[in-house]
């Protein structure tokens, strides 16, 4: 199992209907196969996520955030890791809003 504890990630790509941008920083904490993170950016005033980490390092997560317009947004995401030659991780994410327009998207996060 991949240990995500104290790793930080930043989006390098996101679909247009997403709210994270390159200035969003995710700080992961992990205990066993339970993962949590806090995040924020110019678009997101406060965000939190919770995930279960599989043996393969896949993250099955839910998240909630308050955006710059003071809207509460919620969603779910599957995040699949890729080990880069540098030893850092890249996460390939398929996500879906569970409120609002219920749209879905893809994003890529890289460890910083």
PDB file of N, CA and C in Angstrom:
ATOM      1  N   UNK A   1       0.845  -1.190   0.000  1.00  0.00           N
ATOM      2  CA  UNK A   1       0.000   0.000   0.000  1.00  0.00           C
ATOM      3  C   UNK A   1       0.883   1.244   0.000  1.00  0.00           C
ATOM      4  N   UNK A   2       0.523   2.223  -0.790  1.00  0.00           N
ATOM      5  CA  UNK A   2       1.234   3.500  -0.824  1.00  0.00           C
ATOM      6  C   UNK A   2       0.931   4.271   0.459  1.00  0.00           C
ATOM      7  N   UNK A   3       1.967   4.874   1.023  1.00  0.00           N
ATOM      8  CA  UNK A   3       1.773   5.727   2.192  1.00  0.00           C
ATOM      9  C   UNK A   3       1.734   7.181   1.725  1.00  0.00           C
ATOM     10  N   UNK A   4       0.578   7.810   1.856  1.00  0.00           N
ATOM     11  CA  UNK A   4       0.381   9.198   1.438  1.00  0.00           C
ATOM     12  C   UNK A   4       0.632  10.191   2.561  1.00  0.00           C
ATOM     13  N   UNK A   5       0.956   9.714   3.756  1.00  0.00           N
ATOM     14  CA  UNK A   5       1.038  10.585   4.926  1.00  0.00           C
ATOM     15  C   UNK A   5       2.028  11.732   4.717  1.00  0.00           C
ATOM     16  N   UNK A   6       1.562  12.947   4.984  1.00  0.00           N
ATOM     17  CA  UNK A   6       2.325  14.198   4.885  1.00  0.00           C
ATOM     18  C   UNK A   6       2.773  14.552   3.472  1.00  0.00           C
ATOM     19  N   UNK A   7       2.211  13.914   2.462  1.00  0.00           N
ATOM     20  CA  UNK A   7       2.504  14.308   1.081  1.00  0.00           C
ATOM     21  C   UNK A   7       1.563  15.453   0.692  1.00  0.00           C
ATOM     22  N   UNK A   8       2.078  16.323  -0.168  1.00  0.00           N
ATOM     23  CA  UNK A   8       1.275  17.447  -0.648  1.00  0.00           C
ATOM     24  C   UNK A   8       1.160  17.350  -2.163  1.00  0.00           C
ATOM     25  N   UNK A   9      -0.018  17.714  -2.685  1.00  0.00           N
ATOM     26  CA  UNK A   9      -0.302  17.613  -4.110  1.00  0.00           C
ATOM     27  C   UNK A   9      -0.894  18.913  -4.623  1.00  0.00           C
ATOM     28  N   UNK A  10      -0.682  19.158  -5.931  1.00  0.00           N
ATOM     29  CA  UNK A  10      -1.194  20.346  -6.606  1.00  0.00           C
ATOM     30  C   UNK A  10      -1.763  19.900  -7.957  1.00  0.00           C
ATOM     31  N   UNK A  11      -2.942  20.425  -8.346  1.00  0.00           N
ATOM     32  CA  UNK A  11      -3.492  20.082  -9.663  1.00  0.00           C
ATOM     33  C   UNK A  11      -2.616  20.638 -10.794  1.00  0.00           C
ATOM     34  N   UNK A  12      -2.404  19.807 -11.825  1.00  0.00           N
ATOM     35  CA  UNK A  12      -1.720  20.259 -13.036  1.00  0.00           C
ATOM     36  C   UNK A  12      -2.686  20.262 -14.216  1.00  0.00           C
ATOM     37  N   UNK A  13      -3.865  19.658 -14.039  1.00  0.00           N
ATOM     38  CA  UNK A  13      -4.907  19.659 -15.071  1.00  0.00           C
ATOM     39  C   UNK A  13      -6.252  19.414 -14.407  1.00  0.00           C
ATOM     40  N   UNK A  14      -7.296  20.027 -14.963  1.00  0.00           N
ATOM     41  CA  UNK A  14      -8.648  19.819 -14.468  1.00  0.00           C
ATOM     42  C   UNK A  14      -9.626  20.192 -15.574  1.00  0.00           C
ATOM     43  N   UNK A  15     -10.764  19.540 -15.600  1.00  0.00           N
ATOM     44  CA  UNK A  15     -11.778  19.918 -16.567  1.00  0.00           C
ATOM     45  C   UNK A  15     -12.417  21.235 -16.125  1.00  0.00           C
ATOM     46  N   UNK A  16     -13.041  21.913 -17.077  1.00  0.00           N
ATOM     47  CA  UNK A  16     -13.544  23.269 -16.870  1.00  0.00           C
ATOM     48  C   UNK A  16     -14.570  23.395 -15.749  1.00  0.00           C
ATOM     49  N   UNK A  17     -15.333  22.338 -15.490  1.00  0.00           N
ATOM     50  CA  UNK A  17     -16.377  22.393 -14.458  1.00  0.00           C
ATOM     51  C   UNK A  17     -15.839  22.133 -13.051  1.00  0.00           C
ATOM     52  N   UNK A  18     -14.542  21.940 -12.919  1.00  0.00           N
ATOM     53  CA  UNK A  18     -13.931  21.765 -11.604  1.00  0.00           C
ATOM     54  C   UNK A  18     -13.572  23.099 -10.974  1.00  0.00           C
ATOM     55  N   UNK A  19     -13.345  23.112  -9.675  1.00  0.00           N
ATOM     56  CA  UNK A  19     -13.014  24.350  -8.967  1.00  0.00           C
ATOM     57  C   UNK A  19     -11.559  24.423  -8.522  1.00  0.00           C
ATOM     58  N   UNK A  20     -10.827  23.309  -8.583  1.00  0.00           N
ATOM     59  CA  UNK A  20      -9.426  23.364  -8.188  1.00  0.00           C
ATOM     60  C   UNK A  20      -8.590  23.943  -9.327  1.00  0.00           C
ATOM     61  N   UNK A  21      -7.535  24.644  -8.947  1.00  0.00           N
ATOM     62  CA  UNK A  21      -6.605  25.246  -9.905  1.00  0.00           C
ATOM     63  C   UNK A  21      -5.187  24.963  -9.422  1.00  0.00           C
ATOM     64  N   UNK A  22      -4.215  25.431 -10.185  1.00  0.00           N
ATOM     65  CA  UNK A  22      -2.811  25.178  -9.850  1.00  0.00           C
ATOM     66  C   UNK A  22      -2.367  25.721  -8.512  1.00  0.00           C
ATOM     67  N   UNK A  23      -3.145  26.620  -7.916  1.00  0.00           N
ATOM     68  CA  UNK A  23      -2.775  27.153  -6.599  1.00  0.00           C
ATOM     69  C   UNK A  23      -3.427  26.379  -5.450  1.00  0.00           C
ATOM     70  N   UNK A  24      -4.203  25.354  -5.770  1.00  0.00           N
ATOM     71  CA  UNK A  24      -4.820  24.527  -4.729  1.00  0.00           C
ATOM     72  C   UNK A  24      -3.772  23.556  -4.193  1.00  0.00           C
ATOM     73  N   UNK A  25      -3.627  23.520  -2.889  1.00  0.00           N
ATOM     74  CA  UNK A  25      -2.672  22.595  -2.258  1.00  0.00           C
ATOM     75  C   UNK A  25      -3.458  21.629  -1.372  1.00  0.00           C
ATOM     76  N   UNK A  26      -3.261  20.333  -1.616  1.00  0.00           N
ATOM     77  CA  UNK A  26      -3.856  19.273  -0.809  1.00  0.00           C
ATOM     78  C   UNK A  26      -2.774  18.723   0.113  1.00  0.00           C
ATOM     79  N   UNK A  27      -3.026  18.682   1.402  1.00  0.00           N
ATOM     80  CA  UNK A  27      -2.079  18.113   2.376  1.00  0.00           C
ATOM     81  C   UNK A  27      -2.697  16.846   2.940  1.00  0.00           C
ATOM     82  N   UNK A  28      -2.135  15.696   2.560  1.00  0.00           N
ATOM     83  CA  UNK A  28      -2.691  14.396   2.929  1.00  0.00           C
ATOM     84  C   UNK A  28      -2.152  13.913   4.276  1.00  0.00           C
ATOM     85  N   UNK A  29      -3.044  13.310   5.033  1.00  0.00           N
ATOM     86  CA  UNK A  29      -2.705  12.630   6.289  1.00  0.00           C
ATOM     87  C   UNK A  29      -3.265  11.217   6.183  1.00  0.00           C
ATOM     88  N   UNK A  30      -2.499  10.219   6.606  1.00  0.00           N
ATOM     89  CA  UNK A  30      -2.951   8.836   6.493  1.00  0.00           C
ATOM     90  C   UNK A  30      -2.656   8.062   7.763  1.00  0.00           C
ATOM     91  N   UNK A  31      -3.643   7.291   8.210  1.00  0.00           N
ATOM     92  CA  UNK A  31      -3.490   6.350   9.315  1.00  0.00           C
ATOM     93  C   UNK A  31      -4.066   5.026   8.820  1.00  0.00           C
ATOM     94  N   UNK A  32      -3.215   4.010   8.704  1.00  0.00           N
ATOM     95  CA  UNK A  32      -3.675   2.746   8.139  1.00  0.00           C
ATOM     96  C   UNK A  32      -4.143   2.976   6.717  1.00  0.00           C
ATOM     97  N   UNK A  33      -5.359   2.529   6.409  1.00  0.00           N
ATOM     98  CA  UNK A  33      -5.873   2.769   5.055  1.00  0.00           C
ATOM     99  C   UNK A  33      -6.901   3.907   5.029  1.00  0.00           C
ATOM    100  N   UNK A  34      -6.900   4.741   6.067  1.00  0.00           N
ATOM    101  CA  UNK A  34      -7.794   5.899   6.141  1.00  0.00           C
ATOM    102  C   UNK A  34      -6.985   7.169   5.848  1.00  0.00           C
ATOM    103  N   UNK A  35      -7.469   7.973   4.897  1.00  0.00           N
ATOM    104  CA  UNK A  35      -6.773   9.175   4.488  1.00  0.00           C
ATOM    105  C   UNK A  35      -7.700  10.380   4.628  1.00  0.00           C
ATOM    106  N   UNK A  36      -7.147  11.498   5.062  1.00  0.00           N
ATOM    107  CA  UNK A  36      -7.879  12.762   5.107  1.00  0.00           C
ATOM    108  C   UNK A  36      -6.981  13.847   4.522  1.00  0.00           C
ATOM    109  N   UNK A  37      -7.591  14.943   4.105  1.00  0.00           N
ATOM    110  CA  UNK A  37      -6.808  16.070   3.609  1.00  0.00           C
ATOM    111  C   UNK A  37      -7.605  17.354   3.777  1.00  0.00           C
ATOM    112  N   UNK A  38      -6.874  18.439   3.897  1.00  0.00           N
ATOM    113  CA  UNK A  38      -7.437  19.778   3.862  1.00  0.00           C
ATOM    114  C   UNK A  38      -6.855  20.464   2.643  1.00  0.00           C
ATOM    115  N   UNK A  39      -7.625  21.384   2.060  1.00  0.00           N
ATOM    116  CA  UNK A  39      -7.140  22.116   0.902  1.00  0.00           C
ATOM    117  C   UNK A  39      -7.841  23.464   0.791  1.00  0.00           C
ATOM    118  N   UNK A  40      -7.184  24.389   0.075  1.00  0.00           N
ATOM    119  CA  UNK A  40      -7.768  25.707  -0.183  1.00  0.00           C
ATOM    120  C   UNK A  40      -7.026  26.339  -1.343  1.00  0.00           C
ATOM    121  N   UNK A  41      -7.638  27.397  -1.909  1.00  0.00           N
ATOM    122  CA  UNK A  41      -7.047  28.138  -3.018  1.00  0.00           C
ATOM    123  C   UNK A  41      -7.792  29.456  -3.153  1.00  0.00           C
ATOM    124  N   UNK A  42      -7.540  30.182  -4.234  1.00  0.00           N
ATOM    125  CA  UNK A  42      -8.292  31.416  -4.454  1.00  0.00           C
ATOM    126  C   UNK A  42      -9.754  31.112  -4.762  1.00  0.00           C
ATOM    127  N   UNK A  43     -10.040  29.945  -5.343  1.00  0.00           N
ATOM    128  CA  UNK A  43     -11.417  29.554  -5.666  1.00  0.00           C
ATOM    129  C   UNK A  43     -12.117  28.811  -4.536  1.00  0.00           C
ATOM    130  N   UNK A  44     -11.339  28.222  -3.629  1.00  0.00           N
ATOM    131  CA  UNK A  44     -11.896  27.375  -2.559  1.00  0.00           C
ATOM    132  C   UNK A  44     -11.431  27.937  -1.220  1.00  0.00           C
ATOM    133  N   UNK A  45     -12.378  28.430  -0.436  1.00  0.00           N
ATOM    134  CA  UNK A  45     -12.041  29.011   0.861  1.00  0.00           C
ATOM    135  C   UNK A  45     -11.636  27.949   1.865  1.00  0.00           C
ATOM    136  N   UNK A  46     -12.302  26.781   1.804  1.00  0.00           N
ATOM    137  CA  UNK A  46     -11.980  25.671   2.700  1.00  0.00           C
ATOM    138  C   UNK A  46     -12.501  24.382   2.082  1.00  0.00           C
ATOM    139  N   UNK A  47     -11.672  23.346   2.113  1.00  0.00           N
ATOM    140  CA  UNK A  47     -12.087  22.051   1.602  1.00  0.00           C
ATOM    141  C   UNK A  47     -11.508  20.922   2.426  1.00  0.00           C
ATOM    142  N   UNK A  48     -12.233  19.807   2.471  1.00  0.00           N
ATOM    143  CA  UNK A  48     -11.810  18.611   3.197  1.00  0.00           C
ATOM    144  C   UNK A  48     -12.173  17.385   2.375  1.00  0.00           C
ATOM    145  N   UNK A  49     -11.353  16.362   2.480  1.00  0.00           N
ATOM    146  CA  UNK A  49     -11.692  15.100   1.846  1.00  0.00           C
ATOM    147  C   UNK A  49     -11.362  13.957   2.779  1.00  0.00           C
ATOM    148  N   UNK A  50     -12.057  12.849   2.557  1.00  0.00           N
ATOM    149  CA  UNK A  50     -11.806  11.599   3.282  1.00  0.00           C
ATOM    150  C   UNK A  50     -11.757  10.495   2.250  1.00  0.00           C
ATOM    151  N   UNK A  51     -10.836   9.542   2.440  1.00  0.00           N
ATOM    152  CA  UNK A  51     -10.687   8.461   1.475  1.00  0.00           C
ATOM    153  C   UNK A  51     -10.275   7.176   2.163  1.00  0.00           C
ATOM    154  N   UNK A  52     -10.590   6.086   1.486  1.00  0.00           N
ATOM    155  CA  UNK A  52     -10.061   4.769   1.832  1.00  0.00           C
ATOM    156  C   UNK A  52      -8.985   4.448   0.800  1.00  0.00           C
ATOM    157  N   UNK A  53      -7.817   4.003   1.254  1.00  0.00           N
ATOM    158  CA  UNK A  53      -6.706   3.653   0.378  1.00  0.00           C
ATOM    159  C   UNK A  53      -6.720   2.142   0.171  1.00  0.00           C
ATOM    160  N   UNK A  54      -6.770   1.709  -1.099  1.00  0.00           N
ATOM    161  CA  UNK A  54      -6.736   0.277  -1.389  1.00  0.00           C
ATOM    162  C   UNK A  54      -5.297  -0.230  -1.350  1.00  0.00           C
ATOM    163  N   UNK A  55      -5.117  -1.534  -1.416  1.00  0.00           N
ATOM    164  CA  UNK A  55      -3.772  -2.136  -1.448  1.00  0.00           C
ATOM    165  C   UNK A  55      -2.953  -1.612  -2.622  1.00  0.00           C
ATOM    166  N   UNK A  56      -3.624  -1.267  -3.733  1.00  0.00           N
ATOM    167  CA  UNK A  56      -2.942  -0.756  -4.925  1.00  0.00           C
ATOM    168  C   UNK A  56      -2.675   0.743  -4.831  1.00  0.00           C
ATOM    169  N   UNK A  57      -3.119   1.386  -3.757  1.00  0.00           N
ATOM    170  CA  UNK A  57      -2.908   2.813  -3.579  1.00  0.00           C
ATOM    171  C   UNK A  57      -3.989   3.684  -4.175  1.00  0.00           C
ATOM    172  N   UNK A  58      -5.066   3.072  -4.680  1.00  0.00           N
ATOM    173  CA  UNK A  58      -6.183   3.841  -5.228  1.00  0.00           C
ATOM    174  C   UNK A  58      -6.943   4.490  -4.077  1.00  0.00           C
ATOM    175  N   UNK A  59      -7.334   5.746  -4.278  1.00  0.00           N
ATOM    176  CA  UNK A  59      -8.097   6.483  -3.271  1.00  0.00           C
ATOM    177  C   UNK A  59      -9.561   6.531  -3.680  1.00  0.00           C
ATOM    178  N   UNK A  60     -10.430   6.039  -2.817  1.00  0.00           N
ATOM    179  CA  UNK A  60     -11.883   6.118  -3.017  1.00  0.00           C
ATOM    180  C   UNK A  60     -12.354   7.181  -2.039  1.00  0.00           C
ATOM    181  N   UNK A  61     -12.699   8.374  -2.560  1.00  0.00           N
ATOM    182  CA  UNK A  61     -12.895   9.508  -1.665  1.00  0.00           C
ATOM    183  C   UNK A  61     -14.220  10.230  -1.859  1.00  0.00           C
ATOM    184  N   UNK A  62     -14.555  10.977  -0.826  1.00  0.00           N
ATOM    185  CA  UNK A  62     -15.630  11.964  -0.856  1.00  0.00           C
ATOM    186  C   UNK A  62     -15.029  13.288  -0.387  1.00  0.00           C
ATOM    187  N   UNK A  63     -15.622  14.394  -0.840  1.00  0.00           N
ATOM    188  CA  UNK A  63     -15.088  15.698  -0.455  1.00  0.00           C
ATOM    189  C   UNK A  63     -16.209  16.724  -0.329  1.00  0.00           C
ATOM    190  N   UNK A  64     -15.911  17.772   0.429  1.00  0.00           N
ATOM    191  CA  UNK A  64     -16.808  18.926   0.517  1.00  0.00           C
ATOM    192  C   UNK A  64     -15.957  20.186   0.619  1.00  0.00           C
ATOM    193  N   UNK A  65     -16.503  21.264   0.082  1.00  0.00           N
ATOM    194  CA  UNK A  65     -15.745  22.511   0.076  1.00  0.00           C
ATOM    195  C   UNK A  65     -16.691  23.700   0.003  1.00  0.00           C
ATOM    196  N   UNK A  66     -16.193  24.838   0.472  1.00  0.00           N
ATOM    197  CA  UNK A  66     -16.915  26.102   0.330  1.00  0.00           C
ATOM    198  C   UNK A  66     -16.114  26.936  -0.660  1.00  0.00           C
ATOM    199  N   UNK A  67     -16.759  27.320  -1.762  1.00  0.00           N
ATOM    200  CA  UNK A  67     -16.046  28.066  -2.790  1.00  0.00           C
ATOM    201  C   UNK A  67     -16.083  29.568  -2.523  1.00  0.00           C
ATOM    202  N   UNK A  68     -15.425  30.334  -3.400  1.00  0.00           N
ATOM    203  CA  UNK A  68     -15.306  31.787  -3.207  1.00  0.00           C
ATOM    204  C   UNK A  68     -16.652  32.505  -3.236  1.00  0.00           C
ATOM    205  N   UNK A  69     -17.690  31.861  -3.784  1.00  0.00           N
ATOM    206  CA  UNK A  69     -19.040  32.424  -3.800  1.00  0.00           C
ATOM    207  C   UNK A  69     -19.865  31.964  -2.596  1.00  0.00           C
ATOM    208  N   UNK A  70     -19.196  31.341  -1.629  1.00  0.00           N
ATOM    209  CA  UNK A  70     -19.818  30.816  -0.409  1.00  0.00           C
ATOM    210  C   UNK A  70     -20.882  29.767  -0.710  1.00  0.00           C
ATOM    211  N   UNK A  71     -20.616  28.964  -1.741  1.00  0.00           N
ATOM    212  CA  UNK A  71     -21.473  27.822  -2.043  1.00  0.00           C
ATOM    213  C   UNK A  71     -20.825  26.573  -1.471  1.00  0.00           C
ATOM    214  N   UNK A  72     -21.630  25.734  -0.835  1.00  0.00           N
ATOM    215  CA  UNK A  72     -21.157  24.446  -0.345  1.00  0.00           C
ATOM    216  C   UNK A  72     -21.260  23.451  -1.495  1.00  0.00           C
ATOM    217  N   UNK A  73     -20.121  22.836  -1.854  1.00  0.00           N
ATOM    218  CA  UNK A  73     -20.083  21.856  -2.931  1.00  0.00           C
ATOM    219  C   UNK A  73     -19.623  20.524  -2.359  1.00  0.00           C
ATOM    220  N   UNK A  74     -20.197  19.429  -2.843  1.00  0.00           N
ATOM    221  CA  UNK A  74     -19.829  18.084  -2.397  1.00  0.00           C
ATOM    222  C   UNK A  74     -19.581  17.211  -3.615  1.00  0.00           C
ATOM    223  N   UNK A  75     -18.757  16.187  -3.426  1.00  0.00           N
ATOM    224  CA  UNK A  75     -18.470  15.299  -4.545  1.00  0.00           C
ATOM    225  C   UNK A  75     -17.828  14.001  -4.106  1.00  0.00           C
ATOM    226  N   UNK A  76     -17.571  13.158  -5.120  1.00  0.00           N
ATOM    227  CA  UNK A  76     -16.881  11.893  -4.900  1.00  0.00           C
ATOM    228  C   UNK A  76     -15.847  11.723  -6.002  1.00  0.00           C
ATOM    229  N   UNK A  77     -14.828  10.904  -5.718  1.00  0.00           N
ATOM    230  CA  UNK A  77     -13.695  10.813  -6.635  1.00  0.00           C
ATOM    231  C   UNK A  77     -12.984   9.469  -6.473  1.00  0.00           C
ATOM    232  N   UNK A  78     -12.491   8.940  -7.585  1.00  0.00           N
ATOM    233  CA  UNK A  78     -11.565   7.815  -7.580  1.00  0.00           C
ATOM    234  C   UNK A  78     -10.241   8.352  -8.107  1.00  0.00           C
ATOM    235  N   UNK A  79      -9.185   8.156  -7.341  1.00  0.00           N
ATOM    236  CA  UNK A  79      -7.875   8.692  -7.675  1.00  0.00           C
ATOM    237  C   UNK A  79      -6.881   7.541  -7.793  1.00  0.00           C
ATOM    238  N   UNK A  80      -6.269   7.401  -8.994  1.00  0.00           N
ATOM    239  CA  UNK A  80      -5.342   6.297  -9.259  1.00  0.00           C
ATOM    240  C   UNK A  80      -3.920   6.819  -9.356  1.00  0.00           C
ATOM    241  N   UNK A  81      -2.996   6.220  -8.571  1.00  0.00           N
ATOM    242  CA  UNK A  81      -1.622   6.731  -8.531  1.00  0.00           C
ATOM    243  C   UNK A  81      -0.766   6.219  -9.686  1.00  0.00           C
ATOM    244  N   UNK A  82       0.187   7.062 -10.062  1.00  0.00           N
ATOM    245  CA  UNK A  82       1.239   6.710 -11.014  1.00  0.00           C
ATOM    246  C   UNK A  82       2.552   7.133 -10.365  1.00  0.00           C
ATOM    247  N   UNK A  83       3.511   6.210 -10.272  1.00  0.00           N
ATOM    248  CA  UNK A  83       4.817   6.528  -9.709  1.00  0.00           C
ATOM    249  C   UNK A  83       5.688   7.125 -10.807  1.00  0.00           C
ATOM    250  N   UNK A  84       6.162   8.346 -10.593  1.00  0.00           N
ATOM    251  CA  UNK A  84       7.007   9.027 -11.568  1.00  0.00           C
ATOM    252  C   UNK A  84       8.468   8.626 -11.390  1.00  0.00           C
ATOM    253  N   UNK A  85       9.304   8.793 -12.426  1.00  0.00           N
ATOM    254  CA  UNK A  85      10.735   8.446 -12.301  1.00  0.00           C
ATOM    255  C   UNK A  85      11.420   9.152 -11.132  1.00  0.00           C
ATOM    256  N   UNK A  86      10.925  10.327 -10.758  1.00  0.00           N
ATOM    257  CA  UNK A  86      11.505  11.089  -9.645  1.00  0.00           C
ATOM    258  C   UNK A  86      11.195  10.471  -8.288  1.00  0.00           C
ATOM    259  N   UNK A  87      10.274   9.473  -8.271  1.00  0.00           N
ATOM    260  CA  UNK A  87       9.843   8.881  -7.009  1.00  0.00           C
ATOM    261  C   UNK A  87       8.606   9.550  -6.445  1.00  0.00           C
ATOM    262  N   UNK A  88       8.185  10.657  -7.061  1.00  0.00           N
ATOM    263  CA  UNK A  88       6.965  11.342  -6.629  1.00  0.00           C
ATOM    264  C   UNK A  88       5.762  10.702  -7.298  1.00  0.00           C
ATOM    265  N   UNK A  89       4.579  11.070  -6.814  1.00  0.00           N
ATOM    266  CA  UNK A  89       3.341  10.490  -7.322  1.00  0.00           C
ATOM    267  C   UNK A  89       2.567  11.468  -8.187  1.00  0.00           C
ATOM    268  N   UNK A  90       1.916  10.917  -9.200  1.00  0.00           N
ATOM    269  CA  UNK A  90       0.927  11.641 -10.003  1.00  0.00           C
ATOM    270  C   UNK A  90      -0.396  10.912  -9.788  1.00  0.00           C
ATOM    271  N   UNK A  91      -1.472  11.661  -9.535  1.00  0.00           N
ATOM    272  CA  UNK A  91      -2.783  11.070  -9.290  1.00  0.00           C
ATOM    273  C   UNK A  91      -3.722  11.403 -10.441  1.00  0.00           C
ATOM    274  N   UNK A  92      -4.296  10.360 -11.051  1.00  0.00           N
ATOM    275  CA  UNK A  92      -5.260  10.505 -12.135  1.00  0.00           C
ATOM    276  C   UNK A  92      -6.648  10.350 -11.534  1.00  0.00           C
ATOM    277  N   UNK A  93      -7.439  11.423 -11.586  1.00  0.00           N
ATOM    278  CA  UNK A  93      -8.701  11.457 -10.863  1.00  0.00           C
ATOM    279  C   UNK A  93      -9.915  11.522 -11.782  1.00  0.00           C
ATOM    280  N   UNK A  94     -10.913  10.737 -11.434  1.00  0.00           N
ATOM    281  CA  UNK A  94     -12.238  10.815 -12.045  1.00  0.00           C
ATOM    282  C   UNK A  94     -13.180  11.218 -10.932  1.00  0.00           C
ATOM    283  N   UNK A  95     -13.814  12.386 -11.078  1.00  0.00           N
ATOM    284  CA  UNK A  95     -14.627  12.922  -9.993  1.00  0.00           C
ATOM    285  C   UNK A  95     -16.018  13.292 -10.497  1.00  0.00           C
ATOM    286  N   UNK A  96     -16.913  13.486  -9.520  1.00  0.00           N
ATOM    287  CA  UNK A  96     -18.301  13.823  -9.835  1.00  0.00           C
ATOM    288  C   UNK A  96     -18.879  14.677  -8.716  1.00  0.00           C
ATOM    289  N   UNK A  97     -19.526  15.781  -9.086  1.00  0.00           N
ATOM    290  CA  UNK A  97     -20.243  16.586  -8.098  1.00  0.00           C
ATOM    291  C   UNK A  97     -21.473  15.803  -7.644  1.00  0.00           C
ATOM    292  N   UNK A  98     -21.741  15.842  -6.334  1.00  0.00           N
ATOM    293  CA  UNK A  98     -22.944  15.177  -5.805  1.00  0.00           C
ATOM    294  C   UNK A  98     -24.011  16.191  -5.392  1.00  0.00           C
ATOM    295  N   UNK A  99     -23.763  17.463  -5.707  1.00  0.00           N
ATOM    296  CA  UNK A  99     -24.788  18.496  -5.576  1.00  0.00           C
ATOM    297  C   UNK A  99     -24.600  19.480  -6.725  1.00  0.00           C
ATOM    298  N   UNK A 100     -25.434  20.468  -6.815  1.00  0.00           N
ATOM    299  CA  UNK A 100     -25.326  21.408  -7.927  1.00  0.00           C
ATOM    300  C   UNK A 100     -25.706  20.747  -9.238  1.00  0.00           C
ATOM    301  N   UNK A 101     -24.874  20.905 -10.260  1.00  0.00           N
ATOM    302  CA  UNK A 101     -25.211  20.396 -11.588  1.00  0.00           C
ATOM    303  C   UNK A 101     -24.948  18.893 -11.775  1.00  0.00           C
ATOM    304  N   UNK A 102     -24.354  18.235 -10.777  1.00  0.00           N
ATOM    305  CA  UNK A 102     -24.083  16.784 -10.803  1.00  0.00           C
ATOM    306  C   UNK A 102     -23.173  16.372 -11.961  1.00  0.00           C
ATOM    307  N   UNK A 103     -22.400  17.298 -12.491  1.00  0.00           N
ATOM    308  CA  UNK A 103     -21.503  16.981 -13.604  1.00  0.00           C
ATOM    309  C   UNK A 103     -20.278  16.214 -13.098  1.00  0.00           C
ATOM    310  N   UNK A 104     -19.504  15.712 -14.032  1.00  0.00           N
ATOM    311  CA  UNK A 104     -18.304  14.960 -13.691  1.00  0.00           C
ATOM    312  C   UNK A 104     -17.116  15.503 -14.464  1.00  0.00           C
ATOM    313  N   UNK A 105     -15.923  15.059 -14.084  1.00  0.00           N
ATOM    314  CA  UNK A 105     -14.726  15.543 -14.753  1.00  0.00           C
ATOM    315  C   UNK A 105     -13.518  14.696 -14.444  1.00  0.00           C
ATOM    316  N   UNK A 106     -12.393  15.132 -14.962  1.00  0.00           N
ATOM    317  CA  UNK A 106     -11.097  14.469 -14.788  1.00  0.00           C
ATOM    318  C   UNK A 106     -10.077  15.506 -14.330  1.00  0.00           C
ATOM    319  N   UNK A 107      -9.192  15.093 -13.461  1.00  0.00           N
ATOM    320  CA  UNK A 107      -8.106  15.982 -13.054  1.00  0.00           C
ATOM    321  C   UNK A 107      -6.850  15.169 -12.835  1.00  0.00           C
ATOM    322  N   UNK A 108      -5.717  15.855 -12.817  1.00  0.00           N
ATOM    323  CA  UNK A 108      -4.419  15.245 -12.530  1.00  0.00           C
ATOM    324  C   UNK A 108      -3.749  16.084 -11.458  1.00  0.00           C
ATOM    325  N   UNK A 109      -3.301  15.423 -10.397  1.00  0.00           N
ATOM    326  CA  UNK A 109      -2.558  16.075  -9.329  1.00  0.00           C
ATOM    327  C   UNK A 109      -1.136  15.517  -9.328  1.00  0.00           C
ATOM    328  N   UNK A 110      -0.174  16.370  -8.995  1.00  0.00           N
ATOM    329  CA  UNK A 110       1.194  15.909  -8.858  1.00  0.00           C
ATOM    330  C   UNK A 110       1.735  16.295  -7.489  1.00  0.00           C
ATOM    331  N   UNK A 111       2.535  15.395  -6.954  1.00  0.00           N
ATOM    332  CA  UNK A 111       3.153  15.631  -5.652  1.00  0.00           C
ATOM    333  C   UNK A 111       4.158  16.763  -5.763  1.00  0.00           C
ATOM    334  N   UNK A 112       4.143  17.645  -4.742  1.00  0.00           N
ATOM    335  CA  UNK A 112       5.106  18.767  -4.724  1.00  0.00           C
ATOM    336  C   UNK A 112       6.095  18.585  -3.590  1.00  0.00           C
TER     337      UNK A 112
END
